[in-house]
């Protein structure tokens, strides 16, 4: 089976490499010749655990190739996946579909024989029908179907999510398109992966509904953490107590500085805009977005209060910059909202991140200093702020941290450390929704 993946960003590259590992002949197409050349040499433009090995192995086996020649690739394809970016449009929060529609026009011009065109990008309800309309306009004689196959990949765990998914969603309108997609995903039959077949609009909405619901859980537990701080409860025990209920589940009930990344911020906004255009309320999702923005502002206040409401002239060691561990993605990372206000008030920031510092340099103010390791960042610091829970930060030597720091303030925005242990080590420790107790809730 010949598969074309248009776009070699996060979704396109991961999906293309995984389909090749399933045994398909996959051609990844991109308009950037430099990026295609680097991929051909096995140089991966993003950090995702396991991706480099997957790409190199399947390229060596001849199942995965990279090209800028969309025309030749599409002409030989059985399935063409559109996996281009759909960022929030400036001004109104709608998903920017210009890249999707441009890809649809190009695909339509070069179709030869029956082909299934699959929206892999996260797109609003109705996009698949617009893709079909565009293809018919540019090539009235084309024989094709349009399908929607949303991705559910977590950055940092994308390979496992693709190879062992909770479900595969196929939005189709013909038995022929369904058969081709089922054949492509046949290796997942061995692990009895549920395959949900729906209409186009339903598949498109499933992705937005899923991300909005997960974002809701994050904002909810962050609000509960605030309440816990005021009434003396422990948010970790609250999360366990509700998460053990099978109707709720334990995942995404971890307090923190707010969600970020490439999906939740733009998808919640896009869902709100879709609901507004459809004339229906979306008050819960609107509140989720508001709570998330307020959480980031609250983290600035929490850091300021830990420093005595005066951060001017003080050095803050920041550990972690990416929106989550095991990725180099800085898109909508809480660091982008939390650090600039501290700098504006005269703080000096020394930062470390295992993978995100290169990208951070272009997004954060130039006054941020970057260090090669966490202990260097802590040298002479008045306070340490943990922003991203990379595993290497969990096992830091508390005695060495204390000896290197000039001050003793630690603001743990991911609740990685045990409050009792931190205070016993001499730290003025601040966290989210926890009080010191006999329980080790780290």
Protein backbone atom coordinates (compact mmCIF):
# COMPACT_ATOMS: atom_id res chain seq x y z
CA UNK A 1 0.00 0.00 0.00
CA UNK A 2 1.37 3.41 -0.97
CA UNK A 3 0.84 6.13 1.62
CA UNK A 4 1.70 9.81 1.21
CA UNK A 5 2.04 12.03 4.27
CA UNK A 6 1.88 15.74 3.48
CA UNK A 7 3.71 17.60 6.22
CA UNK A 8 6.71 16.44 8.23
CA UNK A 9 5.88 18.19 11.47
CA UNK A 10 5.17 16.37 14.68
CA UNK A 11 2.03 14.54 13.54
CA UNK A 12 3.14 13.86 9.99
CA UNK A 13 6.59 12.55 10.84
CA UNK A 14 5.46 10.34 13.71
CA UNK A 15 2.49 8.97 11.75
CA UNK A 16 4.53 8.40 8.60
CA UNK A 17 7.27 6.54 10.44
CA UNK A 18 4.74 4.40 12.31
CA UNK A 19 2.79 3.51 9.16
CA UNK A 20 6.09 2.49 7.56
CA UNK A 21 6.77 0.29 10.57
CA UNK A 22 3.36 -1.30 9.93
CA UNK A 23 4.74 -2.31 6.52
CA UNK A 24 3.30 0.40 4.25
CA UNK A 25 5.40 2.22 1.68
CA UNK A 26 5.34 5.78 3.02
CA UNK A 27 6.46 8.96 1.30
CA UNK A 28 6.66 12.06 3.48
CA UNK A 29 6.32 15.30 1.54
CA UNK A 30 7.32 18.78 2.66
CA UNK A 31 7.85 22.10 0.89
CA UNK A 32 11.09 22.78 2.82
CA UNK A 33 13.96 21.22 0.81
CA UNK A 34 16.44 21.71 3.64
CA UNK A 35 14.22 19.80 6.04
CA UNK A 36 13.76 16.98 3.53
CA UNK A 37 17.52 16.73 3.02
CA UNK A 38 18.11 16.55 6.76
CA UNK A 39 15.46 13.88 7.19
CA UNK A 40 17.05 11.92 4.36
CA UNK A 41 20.26 11.93 6.36
CA UNK A 42 18.43 10.70 9.44
CA UNK A 43 18.46 14.08 11.20
CA UNK A 44 15.21 14.50 13.16
CA UNK A 45 13.98 18.10 13.55
CA UNK A 46 12.06 17.42 16.77
CA UNK A 47 12.81 15.55 19.97
CA UNK A 48 10.51 12.60 20.52
CA UNK A 49 11.75 9.48 22.33
CA UNK A 50 12.20 6.59 19.90
CA UNK A 51 11.46 8.58 16.75
CA UNK A 52 14.99 8.78 15.40
CA UNK A 53 15.46 5.02 15.57
CA UNK A 54 12.07 4.44 13.94
CA UNK A 55 12.82 6.83 11.06
CA UNK A 56 16.35 5.55 10.42
CA UNK A 57 15.29 1.89 10.57
CA UNK A 58 12.37 2.23 8.18
CA UNK A 59 14.28 4.48 5.80
CA UNK A 60 17.06 1.88 5.65
CA UNK A 61 14.45 -0.79 4.90
CA UNK A 62 13.15 1.29 1.99
CA UNK A 63 9.68 1.73 3.46
CA UNK A 64 10.08 5.43 4.36
CA UNK A 65 11.25 8.14 1.95
CA UNK A 66 11.27 11.93 1.98
CA UNK A 67 10.68 14.27 -0.93
CA UNK A 68 9.50 17.71 -2.03
CA UNK A 69 7.87 16.24 -5.16
CA UNK A 70 4.21 16.18 -4.22
CA UNK A 71 2.98 15.57 -7.76
CA UNK A 72 4.80 12.30 -8.33
CA UNK A 73 4.04 11.10 -4.82
CA UNK A 74 0.29 11.73 -5.04
CA UNK A 75 -0.04 10.11 -8.45
CA UNK A 76 1.18 6.80 -7.04
CA UNK A 77 -0.73 6.96 -3.75
CA UNK A 78 -3.55 4.84 -2.38
CA UNK A 79 -4.00 7.13 0.61
CA UNK A 80 -2.90 10.75 1.01
CA UNK A 81 -2.81 12.09 4.56
CA UNK A 82 -2.91 15.85 5.12
CA UNK A 83 -0.89 16.51 8.26
CA UNK A 84 -0.08 20.20 8.07
CA UNK A 85 -0.34 22.80 10.81
CA UNK A 86 -3.66 24.29 11.95
CA UNK A 87 -2.54 27.04 14.36
CA UNK A 88 -4.93 29.46 16.01
CA UNK A 89 -5.73 32.28 13.64
CA UNK A 90 -4.63 35.67 14.89
CA UNK A 91 -7.49 37.80 16.10
CA UNK A 92 -10.35 35.35 16.49
CA UNK A 93 -9.02 32.01 17.77
CA UNK A 94 -10.35 30.01 14.84
CA UNK A 95 -8.15 27.24 13.45
CA UNK A 96 -6.16 28.55 10.48
CA UNK A 97 -7.00 26.13 7.67
CA UNK A 98 -5.01 27.84 4.93
CA UNK A 99 -2.35 25.12 4.90
CA UNK A 100 -4.97 22.35 4.78
CA UNK A 101 -6.81 23.94 1.88
CA UNK A 102 -3.59 24.65 -0.01
CA UNK A 103 -2.61 20.99 0.35
CA UNK A 104 -6.07 19.91 -0.84
CA UNK A 105 -5.71 21.99 -4.02
CA UNK A 106 -2.30 20.52 -4.77
CA UNK A 107 -3.49 16.99 -4.14
CA UNK A 108 -6.51 17.50 -6.34
CA UNK A 109 -4.36 18.65 -9.25
CA UNK A 110 -2.33 15.45 -9.27
CA UNK A 111 -4.75 12.63 -8.43
CA UNK A 112 -4.52 9.60 -10.73
CA UNK A 113 -6.90 6.74 -10.03
CA UNK A 114 -8.95 6.13 -6.89
CA UNK A 115 -7.39 7.73 -3.80
CA UNK A 116 -8.53 8.33 -0.23
CA UNK A 117 -7.63 11.80 1.03
CA UNK A 118 -7.39 11.73 4.80
CA UNK A 119 -7.44 14.70 7.17
CA UNK A 120 -4.90 13.84 9.87
CA UNK A 121 -4.51 17.41 11.08
CA UNK A 122 -6.83 18.59 13.83
CA UNK A 123 -9.50 20.48 11.91
CA UNK A 124 -12.91 21.98 12.74
CA UNK A 125 -16.16 20.26 11.90
CA UNK A 126 -16.91 20.61 8.21
CA UNK A 127 -13.31 20.73 7.01
CA UNK A 128 -13.39 17.32 5.32
CA UNK A 129 -16.35 18.43 3.22
CA UNK A 130 -14.50 21.59 2.24
CA UNK A 131 -11.48 19.51 1.25
CA UNK A 132 -13.73 17.40 -0.95
CA UNK A 133 -15.25 20.51 -2.53
CA UNK A 134 -11.82 21.96 -3.31
CA UNK A 135 -10.58 18.73 -4.89
CA UNK A 136 -13.69 18.50 -7.06
CA UNK A 137 -13.24 22.12 -8.15
CA UNK A 138 -9.66 21.62 -9.33
CA UNK A 139 -10.19 18.12 -10.73
CA UNK A 140 -13.84 17.34 -11.56
CA UNK A 141 -12.93 13.94 -12.96
CA UNK A 142 -10.98 12.75 -9.93
CA UNK A 143 -12.02 9.48 -8.30
CA UNK A 144 -11.58 9.92 -4.56
CA UNK A 145 -13.08 9.86 -1.10
CA UNK A 146 -12.31 12.14 1.82
CA UNK A 147 -11.90 10.70 5.31
CA UNK A 148 -11.12 12.02 8.78
CA UNK A 149 -8.61 10.12 10.93
CA UNK A 150 -7.73 12.32 13.93
CA UNK A 151 -4.56 11.69 15.87
CA UNK A 152 -4.37 11.24 19.65
CA UNK A 153 -0.63 11.47 20.22
CA UNK A 154 0.92 12.74 23.44
CA UNK A 155 4.24 14.46 22.98
CA UNK A 156 6.88 12.40 24.74
CA UNK A 157 4.87 9.19 24.28
CA UNK A 158 3.80 9.47 20.65
CA UNK A 159 5.30 6.21 19.38
CA UNK A 160 3.61 4.13 22.07
CA UNK A 161 0.36 6.04 21.55
CA UNK A 162 0.41 5.24 17.83
CA UNK A 163 1.45 1.61 18.18
CA UNK A 164 -0.86 0.86 21.12
CA UNK A 165 -3.71 3.36 20.88
CA UNK A 166 -6.81 3.45 23.04
CA UNK A 167 -8.82 3.64 19.82
CA UNK A 168 -8.63 4.52 16.14
CA UNK A 169 -11.32 6.85 14.79
CA UNK A 170 -12.24 6.59 11.11
CA UNK A 171 -14.62 9.17 9.72
CA UNK A 172 -15.71 7.85 6.32
CA UNK A 173 -18.62 7.92 3.90
CA UNK A 174 -17.89 4.92 1.70
CA UNK A 175 -17.16 1.24 2.24
CA UNK A 176 -14.19 1.52 -0.11
CA UNK A 177 -12.51 4.22 1.96
CA UNK A 178 -13.22 2.32 5.18
CA UNK A 179 -11.69 -0.85 3.73
CA UNK A 180 -8.47 0.91 2.73
CA UNK A 181 -8.06 2.53 6.12
CA UNK A 182 -8.85 -0.69 7.97
CA UNK A 183 -6.22 -2.44 5.85
CA UNK A 184 -3.65 0.21 6.76
CA UNK A 185 -4.39 -0.21 10.46
CA UNK A 186 -4.63 -4.02 10.29
CA UNK A 187 -1.51 -4.60 12.47
CA UNK A 188 -3.47 -3.15 15.39
CA UNK A 189 -5.95 -6.02 15.13
CA UNK A 190 -3.38 -8.18 16.91
CA UNK A 191 -3.82 -6.12 20.07
CA UNK A 192 -7.59 -5.80 19.54
CA UNK A 193 -7.53 -2.01 19.22
CA UNK A 194 -11.08 -0.64 19.04
CA UNK A 195 -11.77 0.96 15.66
CA UNK A 196 -14.63 3.43 15.76
CA UNK A 197 -16.17 4.15 12.37
CA UNK A 198 -18.22 7.35 12.19
CA UNK A 199 -19.30 10.07 9.81
CA UNK A 200 -16.94 12.89 8.88
CA UNK A 201 -18.34 15.52 11.23
CA UNK A 202 -18.41 13.14 14.19
CA UNK A 203 -14.76 12.16 13.74
CA UNK A 204 -13.72 15.79 13.53
CA UNK A 205 -15.61 16.69 16.70
CA UNK A 206 -14.30 13.69 18.66
CA UNK A 207 -10.77 15.10 18.59
CA UNK A 208 -11.81 18.52 19.87
CA UNK A 209 -14.11 17.05 22.50
CA UNK A 210 -11.37 14.75 23.77
CA UNK A 211 -8.79 17.53 24.11
CA UNK A 212 -11.28 19.90 25.70
CA UNK A 213 -12.29 17.27 28.25
CA UNK A 214 -8.66 16.58 29.19
CA UNK A 215 -8.00 20.30 29.50
CA UNK A 216 -11.06 20.51 31.73
CA UNK A 217 -9.60 17.93 34.10
CA UNK A 218 -6.38 19.95 34.33
CA UNK A 219 -8.14 23.23 35.07
CA UNK A 220 -10.45 21.49 37.54
CA UNK A 221 -7.65 20.01 39.62
CA UNK A 222 -5.79 23.33 39.56
CA UNK A 223 -8.86 25.01 41.05
CA UNK A 224 -9.09 22.23 43.65
CA UNK A 225 -5.43 22.82 44.52
CA UNK A 226 -6.23 26.45 45.31
CA UNK A 227 -9.11 25.36 47.53
CA UNK A 228 -6.89 22.78 49.27
CA UNK A 229 -4.40 25.50 50.16
CA UNK A 230 -7.13 27.55 51.80
CA UNK A 231 -8.80 24.77 53.80
CA UNK A 232 -5.76 22.66 54.71
CA UNK A 233 -6.50 19.68 52.47
CA UNK A 234 -4.04 17.74 50.30
CA UNK A 235 -4.72 17.94 46.56
CA UNK A 236 -2.88 14.69 45.87
CA UNK A 237 -5.17 12.77 48.17
CA UNK A 238 -8.15 14.56 46.66
CA UNK A 239 -6.97 13.56 43.17
CA UNK A 240 -6.51 9.95 44.27
CA UNK A 241 -9.85 9.91 46.00
CA UNK A 242 -11.75 11.02 42.92
CA UNK A 243 -9.47 9.37 40.36
CA UNK A 244 -10.05 5.90 41.76
CA UNK A 245 -13.66 6.31 40.70
CA UNK A 246 -13.76 4.52 37.36
CA UNK A 247 -16.15 7.12 36.00
CA UNK A 248 -13.52 9.83 36.51
CA UNK A 249 -10.11 8.17 36.14
CA UNK A 250 -6.74 9.15 37.56
CA UNK A 251 -5.08 10.65 34.48
CA UNK A 252 -4.73 14.42 34.02
CA UNK A 253 -5.47 15.10 37.68
CA UNK A 254 -2.04 16.57 38.46
CA UNK A 255 -1.88 20.20 39.63
CA UNK A 256 0.61 22.42 37.86
CA UNK A 257 1.21 25.83 36.30
CA UNK A 258 -1.43 25.34 33.60
CA UNK A 259 -1.60 23.43 30.34
CA UNK A 260 0.35 24.41 27.23
CA UNK A 261 1.67 22.75 24.11
CA UNK A 262 0.49 22.59 20.54
CA UNK A 263 -2.97 21.08 21.14
CA UNK A 264 -4.94 22.08 24.22
CA UNK A 265 -4.63 25.88 23.90
CA UNK A 266 -5.57 26.08 20.23
CA UNK A 267 -8.13 23.26 20.28
CA UNK A 268 -10.10 24.66 23.21
CA UNK A 269 -10.25 28.06 21.50
CA UNK A 270 -11.27 26.49 18.20
CA UNK A 271 -14.03 24.48 19.90
CA UNK A 272 -15.38 27.63 21.52
CA UNK A 273 -15.47 29.39 18.13
CA UNK A 274 -17.20 26.39 16.52
CA UNK A 275 -19.84 26.41 19.24
CA UNK A 276 -20.39 30.14 18.87
CA UNK A 277 -20.84 29.82 15.12
CA UNK A 278 -23.31 26.98 15.68
CA UNK A 279 -25.25 29.14 18.13
CA UNK A 280 -24.81 26.86 21.13
CA UNK A 281 -23.22 27.66 24.52
CA UNK A 282 -19.78 26.39 25.45
CA UNK A 283 -19.53 27.80 28.96
CA UNK A 284 -17.53 24.93 30.43
CA UNK A 285 -14.78 25.14 27.82
CA UNK A 286 -14.75 28.92 28.06
CA UNK A 287 -14.23 28.61 31.82
CA UNK A 288 -11.44 26.07 31.26
CA UNK A 289 -9.54 28.56 29.10
CA UNK A 290 -10.06 31.36 31.64
CA UNK A 291 -8.94 29.19 34.55
CA UNK A 292 -5.82 28.14 32.66
CA UNK A 293 -4.80 31.74 31.93
CA UNK A 294 -5.48 32.70 35.54
CA UNK A 295 -3.40 29.75 36.78
CA UNK A 296 -0.31 31.01 34.97
CA UNK A 297 -0.80 34.49 36.43
CA UNK A 298 -1.28 32.93 39.86
CA UNK A 299 2.07 31.15 39.52
CA UNK A 300 3.78 34.50 39.02
CA UNK A 301 2.14 35.74 42.21
CA UNK A 302 3.12 32.57 44.07
CA UNK A 303 6.79 33.01 43.12
CA UNK A 304 6.70 36.70 44.04
CA UNK A 305 5.15 35.97 47.44
CA UNK A 306 7.75 33.26 48.14
CA UNK A 307 10.40 35.92 47.52
CA UNK A 308 8.79 38.33 49.96
CA UNK A 309 6.88 40.21 47.25
CA UNK A 310 10.14 41.70 46.02
CA UNK A 311 12.05 39.84 43.32
CA UNK A 312 14.08 42.83 42.16
CA UNK A 313 17.80 41.99 42.14
CA UNK A 314 17.21 38.38 43.12
CA UNK A 315 18.42 35.37 41.16
CA UNK A 316 15.90 32.68 40.32
CA UNK A 317 17.05 29.28 39.09
CA UNK A 318 14.36 27.86 36.79
CA UNK A 319 14.40 24.13 36.11
CA UNK A 320 12.38 23.12 33.06
CA UNK A 321 11.11 25.33 30.24
CA UNK A 322 9.16 23.06 27.88
CA UNK A 323 5.43 22.65 28.42
CA UNK A 324 5.98 19.04 29.54
CA UNK A 325 8.92 16.62 29.90
CA UNK A 326 10.29 14.43 27.10
CA UNK A 327 9.78 17.04 24.40
CA UNK A 328 11.56 20.13 23.10
CA UNK A 329 8.23 21.86 22.40
CA UNK A 330 7.93 25.38 23.79
CA UNK A 331 4.57 26.21 22.22
CA UNK A 332 2.32 27.87 24.82
CA UNK A 333 4.64 26.63 27.58
CA UNK A 334 3.80 28.14 31.00
CA UNK A 335 7.37 29.45 31.13
CA UNK A 336 6.50 31.93 28.37
CA UNK A 337 3.82 33.51 30.56
CA UNK A 338 5.52 33.17 33.95
CA UNK A 339 9.11 34.28 33.40
CA UNK A 340 8.73 37.63 31.56
CA UNK A 341 6.76 39.32 34.40
CA UNK A 342 9.48 38.30 36.86
CA UNK A 343 12.16 39.74 34.59
CA UNK A 344 10.16 42.94 34.20
CA UNK A 345 10.26 43.38 37.97
CA UNK A 346 14.03 43.08 38.11
CA UNK A 347 14.63 39.37 38.71
CA UNK A 348 17.63 37.63 37.22
CA UNK A 349 16.75 34.23 35.74
CA UNK A 350 19.16 31.36 35.20
CA UNK A 351 17.47 28.46 33.42
CA UNK A 352 18.08 24.85 32.49
CA UNK A 353 16.07 22.42 30.38
CA UNK A 354 17.36 19.09 29.00
CA UNK A 355 15.93 19.66 25.50
CA UNK A 356 14.17 23.00 25.26
CA UNK A 357 16.84 25.68 25.67
CA UNK A 358 17.55 26.12 21.96
CA UNK A 359 13.91 26.87 21.21
CA UNK A 360 13.51 28.93 24.39
CA UNK A 361 16.23 31.34 23.32
CA UNK A 362 14.08 32.59 20.46
CA UNK A 363 10.93 32.93 22.59
CA UNK A 364 12.01 34.24 25.98
CA UNK A 365 13.60 37.63 26.69
CA UNK A 366 17.29 37.84 25.86
CA UNK A 367 18.17 38.51 29.51
CA UNK A 368 17.47 34.88 30.50
CA UNK A 369 20.73 33.04 31.17
CA UNK A 370 20.98 29.39 30.14
CA UNK A 371 23.04 26.81 32.01
CA UNK A 372 24.41 23.45 30.91
CA UNK A 373 23.15 21.57 33.97
CA UNK A 374 20.72 22.18 36.82
CA UNK A 375 23.39 22.58 39.48
CA UNK A 376 25.04 25.38 37.49
CA UNK A 377 21.71 27.16 37.32
CA UNK A 378 21.38 26.87 41.09
CA UNK A 379 24.78 28.42 41.82
CA UNK A 380 24.21 31.52 43.95
CA UNK A 381 20.44 31.51 43.39
CA UNK A 382 18.06 33.06 45.88
CA UNK A 383 15.27 30.73 44.79
CA UNK A 384 14.67 27.61 42.73
CA UNK A 385 11.50 27.26 40.66
CA UNK A 386 10.61 23.87 39.20
CA UNK A 387 8.50 24.46 36.09
CA UNK A 388 8.75 21.15 34.19
CA UNK A 389 8.95 17.74 35.87
CA UNK A 390 11.82 16.18 33.90
CA UNK A 391 12.91 12.93 35.54
CA UNK A 392 16.44 14.19 36.10
CA UNK A 393 15.11 16.88 38.43
CA UNK A 394 13.38 14.36 40.67
CA UNK A 395 16.61 12.88 41.97
CA UNK A 396 18.65 16.04 42.57
CA UNK A 397 20.85 15.96 45.66
CA UNK A 398 19.09 18.19 48.19
CA UNK A 399 22.28 18.84 50.14
CA UNK A 400 24.09 19.95 47.01
CA UNK A 401 21.18 22.18 46.03
CA UNK A 402 21.22 23.80 49.47
CA UNK A 403 24.99 24.30 49.44
CA UNK A 404 24.99 25.90 45.98
CA UNK A 405 22.08 28.29 46.57
CA UNK A 406 22.52 31.64 48.26
CA UNK A 407 18.94 31.51 49.50
CA UNK A 408 16.66 28.66 50.49
CA UNK A 409 13.37 29.33 48.66
CA UNK A 410 12.03 26.49 46.51
CA UNK A 411 8.82 26.90 44.52
CA UNK A 412 7.76 23.51 43.21
CA UNK A 413 5.05 24.10 40.59
CA UNK A 414 4.80 20.37 39.76
CA UNK A 415 4.72 18.93 43.30
CA UNK A 416 7.71 16.73 42.58
CA UNK A 417 9.25 16.89 46.06
CA UNK A 418 8.01 15.82 49.48
CA UNK A 419 7.19 18.87 51.63
CA UNK A 420 8.44 17.31 54.86
CA UNK A 421 11.75 16.25 53.32
CA UNK A 422 12.30 19.65 51.75
CA UNK A 423 11.66 21.51 54.98
CA UNK A 424 13.87 19.08 56.88
CA UNK A 425 16.65 19.88 54.41
CA UNK A 426 16.35 23.56 55.29
CA UNK A 427 14.28 24.84 52.39
CA UNK A 428 11.48 27.38 52.51
CA UNK A 429 9.32 25.14 50.39
CA UNK A 430 6.23 26.14 48.42
CA UNK A 431 4.05 23.82 46.33
CA UNK A 432 0.50 23.51 45.01
CA UNK A 433 -2.40 22.36 47.15
CA UNK A 434 -0.41 20.46 49.77
CA UNK A 435 0.39 20.93 53.42
CA UNK A 436 3.21 19.20 55.25
CA UNK A 437 1.96 15.84 56.54
CA UNK A 438 3.09 12.40 57.48
CA UNK A 439 2.27 11.19 53.97
CA UNK A 440 4.94 11.16 51.30
CA UNK A 441 2.98 12.54 48.35
CA UNK A 442 5.90 13.31 46.06
